[in-house]
Each structure stands twice: as structure tokens, then as C-alpha cells.
N, C-alpha and C. Protein backbone atom coordinates (compact mmCIF):
# COMPACT_ATOMS: atom_id res chain seq x y z
N UNK A 1 -31.47 0.51 -47.08
CA UNK A 1 -30.37 1.16 -47.75
C UNK A 1 -30.77 1.46 -49.19
N UNK A 2 -30.46 2.64 -49.64
CA UNK A 2 -30.79 3.04 -51.00
C UNK A 2 -29.80 2.42 -51.98
N UNK A 3 -30.24 2.25 -53.19
CA UNK A 3 -29.41 1.65 -54.22
C UNK A 3 -28.15 2.50 -54.49
N UNK A 4 -28.30 3.80 -54.54
CA UNK A 4 -27.18 4.70 -54.79
C UNK A 4 -26.13 4.58 -53.67
N UNK A 5 -26.58 4.52 -52.44
CA UNK A 5 -25.67 4.37 -51.30
C UNK A 5 -24.94 3.04 -51.38
N UNK A 6 -25.67 1.99 -51.74
CA UNK A 6 -25.07 0.67 -51.87
C UNK A 6 -24.00 0.65 -52.96
N UNK A 7 -24.31 1.20 -54.13
CA UNK A 7 -23.36 1.22 -55.23
C UNK A 7 -22.13 2.06 -54.90
N UNK A 8 -22.33 3.19 -54.26
CA UNK A 8 -21.20 4.04 -53.86
C UNK A 8 -20.33 3.33 -52.84
N UNK A 9 -20.96 2.69 -51.87
CA UNK A 9 -20.20 1.94 -50.86
C UNK A 9 -19.42 0.80 -51.49
N UNK A 10 -20.04 0.09 -52.41
CA UNK A 10 -19.37 -1.02 -53.09
C UNK A 10 -18.18 -0.51 -53.90
N UNK A 11 -18.35 0.60 -54.60
CA UNK A 11 -17.26 1.17 -55.39
C UNK A 11 -16.10 1.60 -54.50
N UNK A 12 -16.40 2.33 -53.43
CA UNK A 12 -15.36 2.80 -52.52
C UNK A 12 -14.66 1.62 -51.86
N UNK A 13 -15.41 0.61 -51.47
CA UNK A 13 -14.82 -0.58 -50.85
C UNK A 13 -13.90 -1.32 -51.81
N UNK A 14 -14.34 -1.47 -53.05
CA UNK A 14 -13.52 -2.14 -54.06
C UNK A 14 -12.24 -1.36 -54.33
N UNK A 15 -12.36 -0.04 -54.44
CA UNK A 15 -11.18 0.80 -54.66
C UNK A 15 -10.21 0.70 -53.49
N UNK A 16 -10.73 0.68 -52.28
CA UNK A 16 -9.88 0.58 -51.09
C UNK A 16 -9.16 -0.77 -51.05
N UNK A 17 -9.87 -1.83 -51.39
CA UNK A 17 -9.25 -3.16 -51.41
C UNK A 17 -8.17 -3.22 -52.49
N UNK A 18 -8.46 -2.68 -53.68
CA UNK A 18 -7.47 -2.69 -54.77
C UNK A 18 -6.22 -1.91 -54.38
N UNK A 19 -6.40 -0.77 -53.74
CA UNK A 19 -5.27 0.03 -53.30
C UNK A 19 -4.49 -0.69 -52.20
N UNK A 20 -5.21 -1.33 -51.30
CA UNK A 20 -4.55 -2.08 -50.23
C UNK A 20 -3.74 -3.24 -50.75
N UNK A 21 -4.28 -3.97 -51.74
CA UNK A 21 -3.55 -5.09 -52.34
C UNK A 21 -2.29 -4.57 -53.02
N UNK A 22 -2.40 -3.41 -53.66
CA UNK A 22 -1.24 -2.85 -54.34
C UNK A 22 -0.16 -2.41 -53.36
N UNK A 23 -0.56 -1.84 -52.25
CA UNK A 23 0.40 -1.31 -51.30
C UNK A 23 0.90 -2.34 -50.30
N UNK A 24 0.12 -3.43 -50.07
CA UNK A 24 0.49 -4.45 -49.10
C UNK A 24 1.70 -5.22 -49.61
N UNK A 25 2.69 -5.35 -48.78
CA UNK A 25 3.91 -6.02 -49.18
C UNK A 25 4.44 -6.86 -48.02
N UNK A 26 4.02 -8.13 -47.93
CA UNK A 26 4.53 -8.97 -46.85
C UNK A 26 6.04 -9.18 -46.99
N UNK A 27 6.65 -9.76 -45.96
CA UNK A 27 8.10 -9.90 -45.92
C UNK A 27 8.65 -10.68 -47.11
N UNK A 28 7.97 -11.77 -47.50
CA UNK A 28 8.51 -12.58 -48.59
C UNK A 28 8.45 -11.84 -49.92
N UNK A 29 7.44 -11.00 -50.12
CA UNK A 29 7.38 -10.21 -51.34
C UNK A 29 8.45 -9.13 -51.30
N UNK A 30 8.63 -8.49 -50.15
CA UNK A 30 9.66 -7.46 -50.01
C UNK A 30 11.04 -8.06 -50.22
N UNK A 31 11.27 -9.28 -49.71
CA UNK A 31 12.56 -9.94 -49.89
C UNK A 31 12.81 -10.22 -51.36
N UNK A 32 11.79 -10.70 -52.09
CA UNK A 32 11.94 -10.97 -53.51
C UNK A 32 12.21 -9.70 -54.29
N UNK A 33 11.56 -8.60 -53.91
CA UNK A 33 11.80 -7.34 -54.60
C UNK A 33 13.22 -6.85 -54.38
N UNK A 34 13.74 -7.02 -53.16
CA UNK A 34 15.11 -6.57 -52.90
C UNK A 34 16.12 -7.44 -53.65
N UNK A 35 15.83 -8.74 -53.76
CA UNK A 35 16.72 -9.62 -54.52
C UNK A 35 16.64 -9.33 -56.01
N UNK A 36 15.51 -8.83 -56.48
CA UNK A 36 15.32 -8.57 -57.90
C UNK A 36 15.48 -7.08 -58.19
N UNK A 37 16.44 -6.46 -57.54
CA UNK A 37 16.64 -5.03 -57.75
C UNK A 37 17.10 -4.73 -59.16
N UNK A 38 17.55 -5.74 -59.87
CA UNK A 38 18.02 -5.55 -61.24
C UNK A 38 16.94 -5.90 -62.26
N UNK A 39 15.74 -6.17 -61.81
CA UNK A 39 14.58 -6.42 -62.67
C UNK A 39 14.76 -7.64 -63.56
N UNK A 40 15.48 -8.63 -63.08
CA UNK A 40 15.74 -9.83 -63.87
C UNK A 40 14.46 -10.59 -64.20
N UNK A 41 13.54 -10.65 -63.25
CA UNK A 41 12.29 -11.38 -63.48
C UNK A 41 11.47 -10.72 -64.57
N UNK A 42 11.39 -9.41 -64.54
CA UNK A 42 10.65 -8.66 -65.56
C UNK A 42 11.28 -8.88 -66.93
N UNK A 43 12.60 -8.73 -67.01
CA UNK A 43 13.27 -8.89 -68.30
C UNK A 43 13.23 -10.34 -68.78
N UNK A 44 13.19 -11.30 -67.86
CA UNK A 44 13.10 -12.71 -68.30
C UNK A 44 11.77 -12.98 -68.99
N UNK A 45 10.75 -12.20 -68.67
CA UNK A 45 9.47 -12.34 -69.37
C UNK A 45 9.50 -11.63 -70.72
N UNK A 46 10.26 -10.55 -70.81
CA UNK A 46 10.30 -9.76 -72.05
C UNK A 46 11.31 -10.29 -73.07
N UNK A 47 12.37 -10.94 -72.61
CA UNK A 47 13.42 -11.42 -73.53
C UNK A 47 12.89 -12.31 -74.65
N UNK A 48 12.10 -13.35 -74.35
CA UNK A 48 11.64 -14.21 -75.44
C UNK A 48 10.78 -13.47 -76.48
N UNK A 49 10.12 -12.41 -76.06
CA UNK A 49 9.28 -11.65 -76.98
C UNK A 49 10.14 -10.78 -77.89
N UNK A 50 11.07 -10.04 -77.30
CA UNK A 50 11.93 -9.16 -78.09
C UNK A 50 12.92 -9.95 -78.94
N UNK A 51 13.38 -11.10 -78.44
CA UNK A 51 14.41 -11.87 -79.13
C UNK A 51 13.84 -13.09 -79.84
N UNK A 52 12.59 -13.03 -80.23
CA UNK A 52 11.95 -14.15 -80.91
C UNK A 52 12.70 -14.45 -82.20
N UNK A 53 13.17 -15.68 -82.33
CA UNK A 53 13.92 -16.09 -83.50
C UNK A 53 15.42 -15.95 -83.34
N UNK A 54 15.88 -15.15 -82.40
CA UNK A 54 17.31 -14.96 -82.20
C UNK A 54 17.88 -15.92 -81.16
N UNK A 55 17.04 -16.34 -80.24
CA UNK A 55 17.50 -17.25 -79.18
C UNK A 55 17.67 -18.66 -79.73
N UNK A 56 18.64 -19.41 -79.22
CA UNK A 56 18.84 -20.79 -79.67
C UNK A 56 17.62 -21.66 -79.37
N UNK A 57 17.45 -22.69 -80.16
CA UNK A 57 16.31 -23.60 -79.99
C UNK A 57 16.54 -24.60 -78.86
N UNK A 58 17.79 -25.01 -78.64
CA UNK A 58 18.12 -25.98 -77.59
C UNK A 58 17.92 -25.29 -76.23
N UNK A 59 17.16 -25.95 -75.36
CA UNK A 59 16.75 -25.33 -74.09
C UNK A 59 17.93 -24.91 -73.22
N UNK A 60 18.95 -25.74 -73.10
CA UNK A 60 20.08 -25.38 -72.24
C UNK A 60 20.84 -24.18 -72.82
N UNK A 61 21.01 -24.15 -74.12
CA UNK A 61 21.67 -23.01 -74.76
C UNK A 61 20.81 -21.75 -74.68
N UNK A 62 19.51 -21.95 -74.79
CA UNK A 62 18.57 -20.83 -74.70
C UNK A 62 18.64 -20.20 -73.30
N UNK A 63 18.63 -21.04 -72.28
CA UNK A 63 18.68 -20.56 -70.90
C UNK A 63 20.00 -19.84 -70.65
N UNK A 64 21.10 -20.39 -71.17
CA UNK A 64 22.41 -19.74 -71.00
C UNK A 64 22.43 -18.38 -71.70
N UNK A 65 21.87 -18.30 -72.90
CA UNK A 65 21.82 -17.03 -73.64
C UNK A 65 20.96 -16.01 -72.90
N UNK A 66 19.84 -16.46 -72.34
CA UNK A 66 18.98 -15.55 -71.58
C UNK A 66 19.70 -15.03 -70.34
N UNK A 67 20.37 -15.91 -69.61
CA UNK A 67 21.09 -15.48 -68.41
C UNK A 67 22.23 -14.52 -68.75
N UNK A 68 22.94 -14.81 -69.83
CA UNK A 68 24.03 -13.92 -70.26
C UNK A 68 23.46 -12.55 -70.65
N UNK A 69 22.32 -12.54 -71.31
CA UNK A 69 21.69 -11.28 -71.71
C UNK A 69 21.18 -10.52 -70.50
N UNK A 70 20.64 -11.22 -69.51
CA UNK A 70 20.19 -10.55 -68.29
C UNK A 70 21.37 -9.89 -67.57
N UNK A 71 22.51 -10.56 -67.56
CA UNK A 71 23.71 -9.95 -66.97
C UNK A 71 24.14 -8.72 -67.76
N UNK A 72 24.07 -8.82 -69.09
CA UNK A 72 24.45 -7.69 -69.95
C UNK A 72 23.49 -6.52 -69.76
N UNK A 73 22.21 -6.81 -69.55
CA UNK A 73 21.23 -5.73 -69.31
C UNK A 73 21.59 -4.99 -68.03
N UNK A 74 21.95 -5.72 -66.99
CA UNK A 74 22.36 -5.10 -65.73
C UNK A 74 23.56 -4.19 -65.94
N UNK A 75 24.54 -4.67 -66.70
CA UNK A 75 25.74 -3.86 -66.98
C UNK A 75 25.39 -2.64 -67.82
N UNK A 76 24.50 -2.80 -68.79
CA UNK A 76 24.12 -1.68 -69.65
C UNK A 76 23.39 -0.61 -68.85
N UNK A 77 22.48 -1.03 -67.98
CA UNK A 77 21.75 -0.07 -67.15
C UNK A 77 22.72 0.70 -66.26
N UNK A 78 23.72 0.02 -65.74
CA UNK A 78 24.70 0.68 -64.87
C UNK A 78 25.51 1.73 -65.61
N UNK A 79 25.66 1.58 -66.92
CA UNK A 79 26.45 2.54 -67.71
C UNK A 79 25.63 3.71 -68.25
N UNK A 80 24.31 3.66 -68.09
CA UNK A 80 23.46 4.74 -68.59
C UNK A 80 23.69 6.03 -67.79
N UNK A 81 23.48 7.18 -68.43
CA UNK A 81 23.54 8.44 -67.67
C UNK A 81 22.49 8.43 -66.56
N UNK A 82 22.75 9.16 -65.50
CA UNK A 82 21.88 9.15 -64.32
C UNK A 82 20.42 9.45 -64.66
N UNK A 83 20.18 10.44 -65.50
CA UNK A 83 18.81 10.82 -65.85
C UNK A 83 18.10 9.70 -66.61
N UNK A 84 18.78 9.09 -67.56
CA UNK A 84 18.19 7.99 -68.32
C UNK A 84 17.93 6.78 -67.43
N UNK A 85 18.88 6.51 -66.54
CA UNK A 85 18.72 5.38 -65.62
C UNK A 85 17.52 5.61 -64.70
N UNK A 86 17.34 6.83 -64.23
CA UNK A 86 16.21 7.15 -63.35
C UNK A 86 14.88 6.96 -64.08
N UNK A 87 14.82 7.40 -65.34
CA UNK A 87 13.59 7.22 -66.13
C UNK A 87 13.30 5.75 -66.37
N UNK A 88 14.35 4.99 -66.69
CA UNK A 88 14.18 3.56 -66.91
C UNK A 88 13.74 2.85 -65.64
N UNK A 89 14.35 3.19 -64.52
CA UNK A 89 13.96 2.60 -63.24
C UNK A 89 12.51 2.91 -62.91
N UNK A 90 12.07 4.11 -63.23
CA UNK A 90 10.67 4.48 -62.99
C UNK A 90 9.74 3.63 -63.84
N UNK A 91 10.07 3.45 -65.12
CA UNK A 91 9.26 2.60 -65.99
C UNK A 91 9.24 1.16 -65.49
N UNK A 92 10.41 0.62 -65.16
CA UNK A 92 10.48 -0.77 -64.70
C UNK A 92 9.75 -0.94 -63.38
N UNK A 93 9.84 0.05 -62.50
CA UNK A 93 9.10 0.00 -61.24
C UNK A 93 7.60 -0.04 -61.47
N UNK A 94 7.13 0.76 -62.41
CA UNK A 94 5.70 0.76 -62.72
C UNK A 94 5.26 -0.58 -63.31
N UNK A 95 6.12 -1.17 -64.15
CA UNK A 95 5.77 -2.46 -64.75
C UNK A 95 5.78 -3.60 -63.74
N UNK A 96 6.41 -3.39 -62.60
CA UNK A 96 6.46 -4.42 -61.56
C UNK A 96 5.41 -4.22 -60.48
N UNK A 97 4.66 -3.12 -60.52
CA UNK A 97 3.60 -2.86 -59.55
C UNK A 97 2.25 -2.98 -60.24
N UNK A 98 1.28 -3.46 -59.51
CA UNK A 98 -0.04 -3.68 -60.11
C UNK A 98 -0.72 -2.38 -60.52
N UNK A 99 -0.59 -1.34 -59.72
CA UNK A 99 -1.21 -0.08 -60.08
C UNK A 99 -0.54 0.53 -61.32
N UNK A 100 0.76 0.42 -61.39
CA UNK A 100 1.49 0.88 -62.57
C UNK A 100 1.12 0.08 -63.80
N UNK A 101 0.97 -1.23 -63.64
CA UNK A 101 0.53 -2.08 -64.74
C UNK A 101 -0.85 -1.68 -65.23
N UNK A 102 -1.72 -1.37 -64.30
CA UNK A 102 -3.07 -0.95 -64.68
C UNK A 102 -3.03 0.32 -65.51
N UNK A 103 -2.19 1.25 -65.12
CA UNK A 103 -2.07 2.51 -65.85
C UNK A 103 -1.43 2.29 -67.22
N UNK A 104 -0.37 1.50 -67.28
CA UNK A 104 0.37 1.33 -68.52
C UNK A 104 -0.23 0.31 -69.48
N UNK A 105 -0.88 -0.72 -68.93
CA UNK A 105 -1.35 -1.80 -69.80
C UNK A 105 -2.86 -2.02 -69.77
N UNK A 106 -3.53 -1.42 -68.81
CA UNK A 106 -4.97 -1.62 -68.70
C UNK A 106 -5.35 -2.90 -67.98
N UNK A 107 -4.37 -3.59 -67.41
CA UNK A 107 -4.62 -4.83 -66.70
C UNK A 107 -3.67 -4.92 -65.52
N UNK A 108 -4.14 -5.53 -64.43
CA UNK A 108 -3.30 -5.68 -63.25
C UNK A 108 -2.55 -7.01 -63.24
N UNK A 109 -2.73 -7.82 -64.29
CA UNK A 109 -2.03 -9.10 -64.38
C UNK A 109 -0.54 -8.85 -64.59
N UNK A 110 0.32 -9.40 -63.72
CA UNK A 110 1.76 -9.20 -63.89
C UNK A 110 2.24 -9.69 -65.26
N UNK A 111 3.25 -9.05 -65.80
CA UNK A 111 3.77 -9.42 -67.12
C UNK A 111 4.28 -10.85 -67.14
N UNK A 112 4.81 -11.32 -66.00
CA UNK A 112 5.34 -12.67 -65.93
C UNK A 112 4.24 -13.73 -66.07
N UNK A 113 3.00 -13.34 -65.82
CA UNK A 113 1.88 -14.30 -65.88
C UNK A 113 1.13 -14.21 -67.21
N UNK A 114 1.59 -13.39 -68.12
CA UNK A 114 0.94 -13.25 -69.41
C UNK A 114 1.60 -14.16 -70.43
N UNK A 115 0.81 -14.55 -71.42
CA UNK A 115 1.35 -15.40 -72.47
C UNK A 115 2.22 -14.57 -73.41
N UNK A 116 3.00 -15.26 -74.21
CA UNK A 116 3.86 -14.56 -75.17
C UNK A 116 3.01 -13.73 -76.14
N UNK A 117 1.89 -14.27 -76.56
CA UNK A 117 1.04 -13.54 -77.50
C UNK A 117 0.45 -12.28 -76.86
N UNK A 118 0.09 -12.35 -75.59
CA UNK A 118 -0.41 -11.17 -74.89
C UNK A 118 0.67 -10.10 -74.78
N UNK A 119 1.91 -10.53 -74.54
CA UNK A 119 3.02 -9.58 -74.46
C UNK A 119 3.31 -8.96 -75.83
N UNK A 120 3.24 -9.77 -76.87
CA UNK A 120 3.43 -9.24 -78.23
C UNK A 120 2.37 -8.21 -78.55
N UNK A 121 1.12 -8.51 -78.22
CA UNK A 121 0.03 -7.57 -78.46
C UNK A 121 0.24 -6.28 -77.68
N UNK A 122 0.63 -6.38 -76.43
CA UNK A 122 0.88 -5.21 -75.60
C UNK A 122 1.99 -4.36 -76.19
N UNK A 123 3.10 -4.99 -76.54
CA UNK A 123 4.24 -4.24 -77.07
C UNK A 123 3.94 -3.63 -78.44
N UNK A 124 3.17 -4.32 -79.24
CA UNK A 124 2.76 -3.74 -80.54
C UNK A 124 1.85 -2.54 -80.33
N UNK A 125 1.00 -2.60 -79.32
CA UNK A 125 0.15 -1.45 -78.99
C UNK A 125 1.01 -0.26 -78.58
N UNK A 126 2.01 -0.52 -77.74
CA UNK A 126 2.92 0.55 -77.33
C UNK A 126 3.68 1.10 -78.53
N UNK A 127 4.13 0.20 -79.38
CA UNK A 127 4.94 0.60 -80.55
C UNK A 127 4.16 1.53 -81.48
N UNK A 128 2.89 1.27 -81.66
CA UNK A 128 2.06 2.03 -82.59
C UNK A 128 1.14 3.01 -81.89
N UNK A 129 1.38 3.29 -80.64
CA UNK A 129 0.51 4.15 -79.86
C UNK A 129 0.60 5.60 -80.32
N UNK A 130 -0.49 6.32 -80.16
CA UNK A 130 -0.50 7.75 -80.45
C UNK A 130 0.09 8.54 -79.29
N UNK A 131 0.30 7.88 -78.16
CA UNK A 131 0.91 8.51 -76.99
C UNK A 131 2.43 8.34 -77.11
N UNK A 132 3.12 9.43 -77.25
CA UNK A 132 4.57 9.40 -77.47
C UNK A 132 5.32 8.69 -76.33
N UNK A 133 4.82 8.81 -75.12
CA UNK A 133 5.46 8.17 -73.98
C UNK A 133 5.45 6.65 -74.11
N UNK A 134 4.37 6.08 -74.63
CA UNK A 134 4.30 4.63 -74.83
C UNK A 134 5.29 4.18 -75.90
N UNK A 135 5.39 4.96 -76.97
CA UNK A 135 6.33 4.64 -78.05
C UNK A 135 7.76 4.69 -77.51
N UNK A 136 8.05 5.70 -76.72
CA UNK A 136 9.38 5.84 -76.12
C UNK A 136 9.67 4.68 -75.18
N UNK A 137 8.70 4.26 -74.39
CA UNK A 137 8.88 3.12 -73.49
C UNK A 137 9.19 1.86 -74.28
N UNK A 138 8.44 1.63 -75.35
CA UNK A 138 8.69 0.46 -76.20
C UNK A 138 10.09 0.50 -76.79
N UNK A 139 10.44 1.65 -77.37
CA UNK A 139 11.75 1.76 -78.01
C UNK A 139 12.89 1.60 -77.01
N UNK A 140 12.73 2.18 -75.83
CA UNK A 140 13.76 2.06 -74.82
C UNK A 140 13.97 0.62 -74.36
N UNK A 141 12.88 -0.08 -74.09
CA UNK A 141 13.00 -1.48 -73.67
C UNK A 141 13.59 -2.34 -74.78
N UNK A 142 13.13 -2.12 -76.00
CA UNK A 142 13.63 -2.91 -77.14
C UNK A 142 15.11 -2.66 -77.37
N UNK A 143 15.50 -1.40 -77.38
CA UNK A 143 16.92 -1.06 -77.60
C UNK A 143 17.80 -1.66 -76.50
N UNK A 144 17.33 -1.59 -75.27
CA UNK A 144 18.09 -2.14 -74.15
C UNK A 144 18.28 -3.64 -74.30
N UNK A 145 17.21 -4.35 -74.62
CA UNK A 145 17.29 -5.81 -74.75
C UNK A 145 18.16 -6.19 -75.96
N UNK A 146 17.93 -5.56 -77.10
CA UNK A 146 18.68 -5.92 -78.31
C UNK A 146 20.16 -5.59 -78.17
N UNK A 147 20.46 -4.40 -77.65
CA UNK A 147 21.87 -4.01 -77.48
C UNK A 147 22.57 -4.93 -76.49
N UNK A 148 21.88 -5.31 -75.44
CA UNK A 148 22.49 -6.20 -74.44
C UNK A 148 22.70 -7.60 -75.00
N UNK A 149 21.77 -8.09 -75.79
CA UNK A 149 21.90 -9.42 -76.38
C UNK A 149 23.09 -9.47 -77.34
N UNK A 150 23.14 -8.51 -78.26
CA UNK A 150 24.18 -8.53 -79.28
C UNK A 150 25.51 -7.94 -78.80
N UNK A 151 25.57 -7.48 -77.56
CA UNK A 151 26.86 -7.05 -77.01
C UNK A 151 27.70 -8.25 -76.60
N UNK A 152 27.09 -9.39 -76.50
CA UNK A 152 27.80 -10.61 -76.12
C UNK A 152 28.42 -11.24 -77.37
N UNK A 153 29.74 -11.44 -77.39
CA UNK A 153 30.41 -11.96 -78.59
C UNK A 153 29.86 -13.31 -79.08
N UNK A 154 29.35 -14.13 -78.18
CA UNK A 154 28.83 -15.43 -78.63
C UNK A 154 27.56 -15.31 -79.47
N UNK A 155 26.94 -14.15 -79.49
CA UNK A 155 25.73 -13.94 -80.30
C UNK A 155 26.03 -13.28 -81.64
N UNK A 156 27.27 -12.93 -81.88
CA UNK A 156 27.62 -12.24 -83.12
C UNK A 156 27.44 -13.13 -84.35
N UNK A 157 27.57 -14.43 -84.17
CA UNK A 157 27.45 -15.34 -85.33
C UNK A 157 26.06 -15.26 -85.95
N UNK A 158 25.05 -14.92 -85.16
CA UNK A 158 23.68 -14.79 -85.69
C UNK A 158 23.59 -13.62 -86.67
N UNK A 159 24.53 -12.68 -86.55
CA UNK A 159 24.58 -11.52 -87.45
C UNK A 159 25.60 -11.71 -88.58
N UNK A 160 26.25 -12.88 -88.59
CA UNK A 160 27.35 -13.15 -89.52
C UNK A 160 28.46 -12.12 -89.36
N UNK A 161 28.70 -11.74 -88.12
CA UNK A 161 29.75 -10.77 -87.80
C UNK A 161 30.93 -11.51 -87.21
N UNK A 162 32.12 -11.16 -87.68
CA UNK A 162 33.34 -11.74 -87.15
C UNK A 162 34.20 -10.59 -86.67
N UNK A 163 34.73 -10.75 -85.47
CA UNK A 163 35.58 -9.72 -84.89
C UNK A 163 36.77 -9.48 -85.81
N UNK A 164 37.04 -8.22 -86.13
CA UNK A 164 38.17 -7.96 -87.02
C UNK A 164 39.51 -8.27 -86.34
N UNK A 165 40.43 -8.71 -87.12
CA UNK A 165 41.77 -8.95 -86.60
C UNK A 165 42.73 -7.99 -87.29
N UNK A 166 43.71 -7.56 -86.55
CA UNK A 166 44.69 -6.61 -87.06
C UNK A 166 46.04 -7.30 -87.15
N UNK A 167 46.82 -6.90 -88.11
CA UNK A 167 48.13 -7.47 -88.28
C UNK A 167 48.99 -7.17 -87.05
N UNK A 168 49.68 -8.17 -86.60
CA UNK A 168 50.58 -7.98 -85.48
C UNK A 168 49.90 -8.07 -84.11
N UNK A 169 48.62 -8.35 -84.06
CA UNK A 169 47.95 -8.50 -82.79
C UNK A 169 47.36 -9.89 -82.69
N UNK A 170 47.24 -10.35 -81.48
CA UNK A 170 46.64 -11.65 -81.25
C UNK A 170 45.17 -11.48 -80.94
N UNK A 171 44.38 -12.49 -81.23
CA UNK A 171 42.94 -12.41 -80.96
C UNK A 171 42.60 -12.75 -79.56
């Protein structure tokens, strides 16, 4: 066998295996994807990065704030216009697939398996990217997470915001 034939065969075989791994979806993976139709797992990896310093230090309070924010994200996505929701779903779908991750991040490692520093580096790259689409993706994810977090009244105290009261009305 010639060296060129061997290298070509190895490359084609590796590409086929990578594509097969990306497309292969056993029942338990398919079940998890259907249960995570709201992208809670993906956002649970991104929340600590976007909300660094805003989340409570106590673990039980932190977990409650994260869960409340994940619920708010689901509600916010549901209220988006159809076109914006479709674009967001496309981005989130790509971030949950290995081939999409490879295209968007240069690595097939799922976001949930990356360290906080790796996620910060990735998001900073998107934020300062010369590709407008990456900047838009960063801004969209950040705005969604921040708006959902601060839409919850229990988080307003971090902003020193107090709900206004009007004369003659009860709180």
C-alpha cells in the first residue's frame, strides 16, 4: 500500500467515524435530549459564567437562584418573536451537538464538560470576534441570561432596586 493511499484512507475513515459519532443517538441520549428541550443543561453551564459575582455564595441559595433563572429563561424564550426564537433555537442546537460545537468553538468537547475558565475564554473570544455572527451570539446569550436573572424580584436587591409603591395600592 502506498503512503498516499494509506493517509487518504485514514483521513476518510476518521472523518466517517467523527460524523457517525455526531449523528449516532442511542435511546438514552435521545430521551435526555427530549427531556432537555428547554436547554436547561446548556444554560446551567453558562449561568455561573455570565452571572459571576451575582449568584449567592451559599450553595443552597445559589442552586435555588440558578433553578429560578432557568425557569425564567424558558419563559423568556417562549415570549420571543417567532423569528428570534428560531434563531436562538438554532444556536442552542448547534451548541448541544458536537459538530456544531466544532464549528462554533473549534472543539468537540461539550460545554458542560469545560471548566469555567475555558467558558470565559470562549465567550470573550466571541465577544471580541471580528465575525459579527459570533458577537451577536454572545450578546444574545448574555442578554437572555441577564434579563432572565434580574426579572426575578428576589434578585432585585443585588441592584439596590425596590419595587415602587403607589398611594392607595397594596404591595
